[in-house]
Amino acid sequence: MGHARPRPKHLAAKLLEIRHSLGLSQSEMVQRLGVGIPYAFISKYELDRNEPPHAVLLAYSRAARVSVETLIDDDLDLFD
């Protein structure tokens, strides 16, 4: 039986920071991401209730012009 991989501790805060830096509402963020998810999922990601799938992480990284590694690596700051 395998073990669940550890969740990034700062991912939720980074996703919220990205949305705020872009000046977008949650529904506007969904449109910007272009991944076809309900806008309520944005709140779940930002509150660390759900971890976004890879396609959503990739869309966030492209929107913020940062690498996916920057999003998921707790040792990397978002906008340095």
Protein backbone atom coordinates (compact mmCIF):
# COMPACT_ATOMS: atom_id res chain seq x y z
CA MET A 1 0.00 0.00 0.00
CA GLY A 2 1.46 3.38 -1.04
CA HIS A 3 1.64 6.58 0.89
CA ALA A 4 0.00 9.82 -0.13
CA ARG A 5 2.51 12.35 -1.36
CA PRO A 6 2.97 15.37 0.88
CA ARG A 7 0.94 18.44 -0.09
CA PRO A 8 2.77 21.71 -0.60
CA LYS A 9 2.18 23.83 2.51
CA HIS A 10 2.25 27.20 0.73
CA LEU A 11 0.38 26.32 -2.46
CA ALA A 12 -2.97 27.74 -1.34
CA ALA A 13 -1.41 31.05 -0.30
CA LYS A 14 0.50 31.26 -3.58
CA LEU A 15 -2.67 30.69 -5.61
CA LEU A 16 -4.46 33.41 -3.67
CA GLU A 17 -1.49 35.74 -4.13
CA ILE A 18 -1.56 35.12 -7.88
CA ARG A 19 -5.25 35.97 -8.15
CA HIS A 20 -4.84 39.10 -6.04
CA SER A 21 -1.77 40.22 -8.02
CA LEU A 22 -3.81 39.92 -11.21
CA GLY A 23 -6.67 41.87 -9.62
CA LEU A 24 -9.23 39.19 -10.46
CA SER A 25 -12.34 37.87 -8.76
CA GLN A 26 -12.72 34.12 -8.44
CA SER A 27 -15.02 33.92 -11.46
CA GLU A 28 -12.63 36.10 -13.48
CA MET A 29 -9.77 33.80 -12.45
CA VAL A 30 -11.64 30.79 -13.82
CA GLN A 31 -12.04 32.61 -17.14
CA ARG A 32 -8.37 33.59 -17.13
CA LEU A 33 -7.28 30.02 -16.43
CA GLY A 34 -9.47 28.66 -19.23
CA VAL A 35 -9.69 25.18 -17.69
CA GLY A 36 -13.46 24.81 -17.37
CA ILE A 37 -13.84 24.46 -13.61
CA PRO A 38 -16.62 25.93 -11.43
CA TYR A 39 -15.53 29.22 -9.85
CA ALA A 40 -16.20 27.72 -6.39
CA PHE A 41 -13.17 25.48 -6.92
CA ILE A 42 -10.92 28.56 -6.79
CA SER A 43 -12.01 29.15 -3.20
CA LYS A 44 -11.34 25.51 -2.32
CA TYR A 45 -7.83 25.76 -3.76
CA GLU A 46 -7.11 29.06 -1.99
CA LEU A 47 -8.38 27.74 1.36
CA ASP A 48 -6.36 24.50 0.97
CA ARG A 49 -9.50 22.36 1.00
CA ASN A 50 -8.64 20.81 -2.36
CA GLU A 51 -5.41 20.53 -4.30
CA PRO A 52 -5.77 21.57 -7.94
CA PRO A 53 -5.09 19.06 -10.71
CA HIS A 54 -1.97 19.43 -12.85
CA ALA A 55 -3.81 21.21 -15.67
CA VAL A 56 -5.00 23.89 -13.26
CA LEU A 57 -1.52 24.31 -11.76
CA LEU A 58 -0.10 24.73 -15.24
CA ALA A 59 -2.73 27.35 -16.07
CA TYR A 60 -1.94 29.25 -12.84
CA SER A 61 1.78 29.16 -13.59
CA ARG A 62 1.19 30.51 -17.09
CA ALA A 63 -1.13 33.26 -15.82
CA ALA A 64 1.46 34.35 -13.26
CA ARG A 65 4.43 33.74 -15.57
CA VAL A 66 6.17 31.52 -13.03
CA SER A 67 7.21 27.90 -13.23
CA VAL A 68 5.03 25.12 -11.86
CA GLU A 69 8.00 24.30 -9.64
CA THR A 70 7.69 27.75 -8.06
CA LEU A 71 4.07 26.99 -7.20
CA ILE A 72 4.65 23.62 -5.60
CA ASP A 73 8.07 24.05 -4.00
CA ASP A 74 7.60 25.45 -0.51
CA ASP A 75 11.21 26.69 -0.51
CA LEU A 76 10.61 29.02 -3.48
CA ASP A 77 8.93 32.40 -3.18
CA LEU A 78 6.35 33.33 -5.75
CA PHE A 79 7.47 36.76 -6.95
CA ASP A 80 11.16 37.18 -6.11
